[in-house]
Amino acid sequence: MGIGNAGTETALRILVVEDEALIALELESLLEDLGHVMVGVAGTAAEAIALGRSTTPDVALVDIHLVDGPTGIEVARALSADRRTTVVFMTANAKRIPEDFAGAIGVIAKPYSERVVASTLDYVADRRAGRADPACPDGFSPAPA
């Protein structure tokens, strides 16, 4: 299955919110190699929220600054509130993340490595499955408790 093992027997359904096509394609390929299911890729807040509502992803990997501005924060709030989707920010602009993390559980800094993405998704899968105190992976910064 490549790097990582998707953490559980069940693949996560993932929405990628990224407006840079090359990054989105690389991430999509990595996620599929890890055994996860892609539900879509969105480059704007409106696309992301619509896809999130129609596909009900388990996880959304969200860039903060999209083609329509710093709207990834709006996406995180909408997806985590409406669908109980676990949101992880993936950004080079960590200073723009609000103190409450807008409903996201943490952030992966760009540029990211495949290992960090894989271990973060294992962590997310463990949390979603209710496993007690999964270890926070290196390269992932959790939201303040």
C-alpha atoms as a PDB file:
ATOM      1  CA  MET A   1       0.000   0.000   0.000  1.00  0.00           C
ATOM      2  CA  GLY A   2       2.953   2.353  -0.118  1.00  0.00           C
ATOM      3  CA  ILE A   3       3.745   4.606   2.821  1.00  0.00           C
ATOM      4  CA  GLY A   4       1.612   4.003   5.886  1.00  0.00           C
ATOM      5  CA  ASN A   5      -1.304   1.611   6.019  1.00  0.00           C
ATOM      6  CA  ALA A   6      -4.338   3.855   6.305  1.00  0.00           C
ATOM      7  CA  GLY A   7      -4.348   3.150  10.065  1.00  0.00           C
ATOM      8  CA  THR A   8      -7.367   0.882  10.051  1.00  0.00           C
ATOM      9  CA  GLU A   9      -9.088  -1.738   7.949  1.00  0.00           C
ATOM     10  CA  THR A  10     -11.428   0.977   6.701  1.00  0.00           C
ATOM     11  CA  ALA A  11     -10.199   3.575   4.243  1.00  0.00           C
ATOM     12  CA  LEU A  12     -10.953   7.198   4.994  1.00  0.00           C
ATOM     13  CA  ARG A  13     -13.089   9.189   2.554  1.00  0.00           C
ATOM     14  CA  ILE A  14     -11.080  12.339   1.850  1.00  0.00           C
ATOM     15  CA  LEU A  15     -11.836  15.722   0.325  1.00  0.00           C
ATOM     16  CA  VAL A  16      -8.842  17.800  -0.779  1.00  0.00           C
ATOM     17  CA  VAL A  17      -9.310  21.574  -0.754  1.00  0.00           C
ATOM     18  CA  GLU A  18      -6.363  22.951  -2.712  1.00  0.00           C
ATOM     19  CA  ASP A  19      -6.278  25.448  -5.586  1.00  0.00           C
ATOM     20  CA  GLU A  20      -2.816  24.568  -6.902  1.00  0.00           C
ATOM     21  CA  ALA A  21      -3.472  21.803  -9.437  1.00  0.00           C
ATOM     22  CA  LEU A  22      -0.060  20.133  -9.194  1.00  0.00           C
ATOM     23  CA  ILE A  23      -0.215  19.915  -5.402  1.00  0.00           C
ATOM     24  CA  ALA A  24      -3.792  18.603  -5.555  1.00  0.00           C
ATOM     25  CA  LEU A  25      -2.848  15.893  -8.093  1.00  0.00           C
ATOM     26  CA  GLU A  26       0.196  14.794  -6.094  1.00  0.00           C
ATOM     27  CA  LEU A  27      -1.850  14.655  -2.918  1.00  0.00           C
ATOM     28  CA  GLU A  28      -4.659  12.744  -4.619  1.00  0.00           C
ATOM     29  CA  SER A  29      -2.177  10.158  -5.912  1.00  0.00           C
ATOM     30  CA  LEU A  30      -0.561   9.796  -2.487  1.00  0.00           C
ATOM     31  CA  LEU A  31      -3.912   9.356  -0.735  1.00  0.00           C
ATOM     32  CA  GLU A  32      -5.006   6.672  -3.187  1.00  0.00           C
ATOM     33  CA  ASP A  33      -1.630   4.900  -2.772  1.00  0.00           C
ATOM     34  CA  LEU A  34      -2.282   4.900   0.970  1.00  0.00           C
ATOM     35  CA  GLY A  35      -5.596   3.121   0.375  1.00  0.00           C
ATOM     36  CA  HIS A  36      -7.940   6.020   1.019  1.00  0.00           C
ATOM     37  CA  VAL A  37     -10.918   7.042  -1.120  1.00  0.00           C
ATOM     38  CA  MET A  38     -10.948  10.459  -2.761  1.00  0.00           C
ATOM     39  CA  VAL A  39     -14.381  12.089  -2.758  1.00  0.00           C
ATOM     40  CA  GLY A  40     -13.198  15.160  -4.643  1.00  0.00           C
ATOM     41  CA  VAL A  41     -10.852  18.086  -5.079  1.00  0.00           C
ATOM     42  CA  ALA A  42     -12.020  21.694  -4.696  1.00  0.00           C
ATOM     43  CA  GLY A  43     -10.181  24.926  -5.402  1.00  0.00           C
ATOM     44  CA  THR A  44     -12.649  27.440  -3.977  1.00  0.00           C
ATOM     45  CA  ALA A  45     -14.632  27.718  -0.778  1.00  0.00           C
ATOM     46  CA  ALA A  46     -17.967  27.313  -2.564  1.00  0.00           C
ATOM     47  CA  GLU A  47     -16.817  24.149  -4.363  1.00  0.00           C
ATOM     48  CA  ALA A  48     -15.398  22.710  -1.148  1.00  0.00           C
ATOM     49  CA  ILE A  49     -18.512  23.326   0.913  1.00  0.00           C
ATOM     50  CA  ALA A  50     -20.792  21.943  -1.816  1.00  0.00           C
ATOM     51  CA  LEU A  51     -18.620  18.833  -2.245  1.00  0.00           C
ATOM     52  CA  GLY A  52     -18.420  18.376   1.511  1.00  0.00           C
ATOM     53  CA  ARG A  53     -22.177  18.502   1.842  1.00  0.00           C
ATOM     54  CA  SER A  54     -22.838  16.162  -1.096  1.00  0.00           C
ATOM     55  CA  THR A  55     -20.138  13.561  -0.397  1.00  0.00           C
ATOM     56  CA  THR A  56     -19.819  13.573   3.414  1.00  0.00           C
ATOM     57  CA  PRO A  57     -16.051  13.025   3.665  1.00  0.00           C
ATOM     58  CA  ASP A  58     -14.445  11.626   6.797  1.00  0.00           C
ATOM     59  CA  VAL A  59     -11.521  14.011   6.409  1.00  0.00           C
ATOM     60  CA  ALA A  60     -10.924  17.279   4.593  1.00  0.00           C
ATOM     61  CA  LEU A  61      -7.357  18.404   3.935  1.00  0.00           C
ATOM     62  CA  VAL A  62      -7.755  22.163   3.565  1.00  0.00           C
ATOM     63  CA  ASP A  63      -5.363  24.859   2.380  1.00  0.00           C
ATOM     64  CA  ILE A  64      -6.071  28.192   4.061  1.00  0.00           C
ATOM     65  CA  HIS A  65      -5.430  30.493   1.107  1.00  0.00           C
ATOM     66  CA  LEU A  66      -7.490  29.488  -1.922  1.00  0.00           C
ATOM     67  CA  VAL A  67      -8.000  31.162  -5.280  1.00  0.00           C
ATOM     68  CA  ASP A  68     -10.872  33.157  -3.759  1.00  0.00           C
ATOM     69  CA  GLY A  69      -8.764  34.400  -0.820  1.00  0.00           C
ATOM     70  CA  PRO A  70      -8.097  33.123   2.697  1.00  0.00           C
ATOM     71  CA  THR A  71     -11.355  31.169   2.619  1.00  0.00           C
ATOM     72  CA  GLY A  72     -10.035  27.810   3.823  1.00  0.00           C
ATOM     73  CA  ILE A  73     -10.969  28.958   7.316  1.00  0.00           C
ATOM     74  CA  GLU A  74     -14.623  29.303   6.241  1.00  0.00           C
ATOM     75  CA  VAL A  75     -14.436  25.846   4.674  1.00  0.00           C
ATOM     76  CA  ALA A  76     -13.090  24.334   7.894  1.00  0.00           C
ATOM     77  CA  ARG A  77     -15.858  25.884   9.960  1.00  0.00           C
ATOM     78  CA  ALA A  78     -18.583  24.757   7.554  1.00  0.00           C
ATOM     79  CA  LEU A  79     -17.344  21.200   7.090  1.00  0.00           C
ATOM     80  CA  SER A  80     -16.592  20.502  10.724  1.00  0.00           C
ATOM     81  CA  ALA A  81     -19.974  21.911  11.830  1.00  0.00           C
ATOM     82  CA  ASP A  82     -22.234  20.580   9.082  1.00  0.00           C
ATOM     83  CA  ARG A  83     -20.900  17.097   8.495  1.00  0.00           C
ATOM     84  CA  ARG A  84     -18.665  16.287  11.394  1.00  0.00           C
ATOM     85  CA  THR A  85     -15.842  16.015   8.948  1.00  0.00           C
ATOM     86  CA  THR A  86     -12.402  15.974  10.545  1.00  0.00           C
ATOM     87  CA  VAL A  87     -10.530  18.949   9.114  1.00  0.00           C
ATOM     88  CA  VAL A  88      -6.745  19.226   8.860  1.00  0.00           C
ATOM     89  CA  PHE A  89      -5.181  22.393   7.518  1.00  0.00           C
ATOM     90  CA  MET A  90      -2.308  21.990   5.044  1.00  0.00           C
ATOM     91  CA  THR A  91      -0.694  25.373   4.629  1.00  0.00           C
ATOM     92  CA  ALA A  92       2.452  27.421   4.382  1.00  0.00           C
ATOM     93  CA  ASN A  93       0.527  30.224   6.126  1.00  0.00           C
ATOM     94  CA  ALA A  94       0.114  28.817   9.639  1.00  0.00           C
ATOM     95  CA  LYS A  95       0.079  32.351  11.083  1.00  0.00           C
ATOM     96  CA  ARG A  96      -3.337  32.861   9.462  1.00  0.00           C
ATOM     97  CA  ILE A  97      -4.968  30.066  11.437  1.00  0.00           C
ATOM     98  CA  PRO A  98      -7.315  31.531  14.036  1.00  0.00           C
ATOM     99  CA  GLU A  99      -6.738  30.695  17.695  1.00  0.00           C
ATOM    100  CA  ASP A 100      -9.748  28.364  17.756  1.00  0.00           C
ATOM    101  CA  PHE A 101      -8.429  26.554  14.638  1.00  0.00           C
ATOM    102  CA  ALA A 102     -11.865  27.081  13.003  1.00  0.00           C
ATOM    103  CA  GLY A 103     -12.910  23.538  13.830  1.00  0.00           C
ATOM    104  CA  ALA A 104      -9.753  21.921  12.437  1.00  0.00           C
ATOM    105  CA  ILE A 105      -7.880  19.421  14.612  1.00  0.00           C
ATOM    106  CA  GLY A 106      -4.459  20.634  13.529  1.00  0.00           C
ATOM    107  CA  VAL A 107      -2.125  21.625  10.732  1.00  0.00           C
ATOM    108  CA  ILE A 108       0.455  20.090   8.439  1.00  0.00           C
ATOM    109  CA  ALA A 109       2.974  22.683   7.266  1.00  0.00           C
ATOM    110  CA  LYS A 110       3.787  22.976   3.580  1.00  0.00           C
ATOM    111  CA  PRO A 111       5.951  21.733   2.122  1.00  0.00           C
ATOM    112  CA  TYR A 112       4.883  18.415   3.635  1.00  0.00           C
ATOM    113  CA  SER A 113       6.322  14.937   3.282  1.00  0.00           C
ATOM    114  CA  GLU A 114       4.466  11.769   2.341  1.00  0.00           C
ATOM    115  CA  ARG A 115       5.400  10.331   5.736  1.00  0.00           C
ATOM    116  CA  VAL A 116       3.772  13.245   7.574  1.00  0.00           C
ATOM    117  CA  VAL A 117       0.560  12.941   5.547  1.00  0.00           C
ATOM    118  CA  ALA A 118       0.426   9.159   6.090  1.00  0.00           C
ATOM    119  CA  SER A 119       1.070   9.349   9.841  1.00  0.00           C
ATOM    120  CA  THR A 120      -1.423  12.205  10.246  1.00  0.00           C
ATOM    121  CA  LEU A 121      -4.138  10.184   8.516  1.00  0.00           C
ATOM    122  CA  ASP A 122      -3.357   7.208  10.772  1.00  0.00           C
ATOM    123  CA  TYR A 123      -3.747   9.574  13.735  1.00  0.00           C
ATOM    124  CA  VAL A 124      -7.057  10.902  12.373  1.00  0.00           C
ATOM    125  CA  ALA A 125      -8.340   7.347  11.796  1.00  0.00           C
ATOM    126  CA  ASP A 126      -7.442   6.403  15.365  1.00  0.00           C
ATOM    127  CA  ARG A 127      -9.218   9.474  16.750  1.00  0.00           C
ATOM    128  CA  ARG A 128     -12.317   8.847  14.634  1.00  0.00           C
ATOM    129  CA  ALA A 129     -12.386   5.222  15.816  1.00  0.00           C
ATOM    130  CA  GLY A 130     -12.314   6.403  19.437  1.00  0.00           C
ATOM    131  CA  ARG A 131      -8.939   4.897  20.254  1.00  0.00           C
ATOM    132  CA  ALA A 132      -7.664   6.360  23.496  1.00  0.00           C
ATOM    133  CA  ASP A 133      -4.897   8.951  23.235  1.00  0.00           C
ATOM    134  CA  PRO A 134      -3.370   8.196  19.832  1.00  0.00           C
ATOM    135  CA  ALA A 135       0.186   9.493  19.594  1.00  0.00           C
ATOM    136  CA  CYS A 136       0.431  12.814  17.776  1.00  0.00           C
ATOM    137  CA  PRO A 137       2.667  12.294  14.736  1.00  0.00           C
ATOM    138  CA  ASP A 138       5.823  14.261  14.019  1.00  0.00           C
ATOM    139  CA  GLY A 139       5.183  17.069  11.547  1.00  0.00           C
ATOM    140  CA  PHE A 140       1.579  17.562  12.664  1.00  0.00           C
ATOM    141  CA  SER A 141       0.700  20.469  14.960  1.00  0.00           C
ATOM    142  CA  PRO A 142      -2.526  19.781  16.885  1.00  0.00           C
ATOM    143  CA  ALA A 143      -5.044  22.461  17.717  1.00  0.00           C
ATOM    144  CA  PRO A 144      -4.851  23.718  21.289  1.00  0.00           C
ATOM    145  CA  ALA A 145      -7.040  21.727  23.653  1.00  0.00           C
END
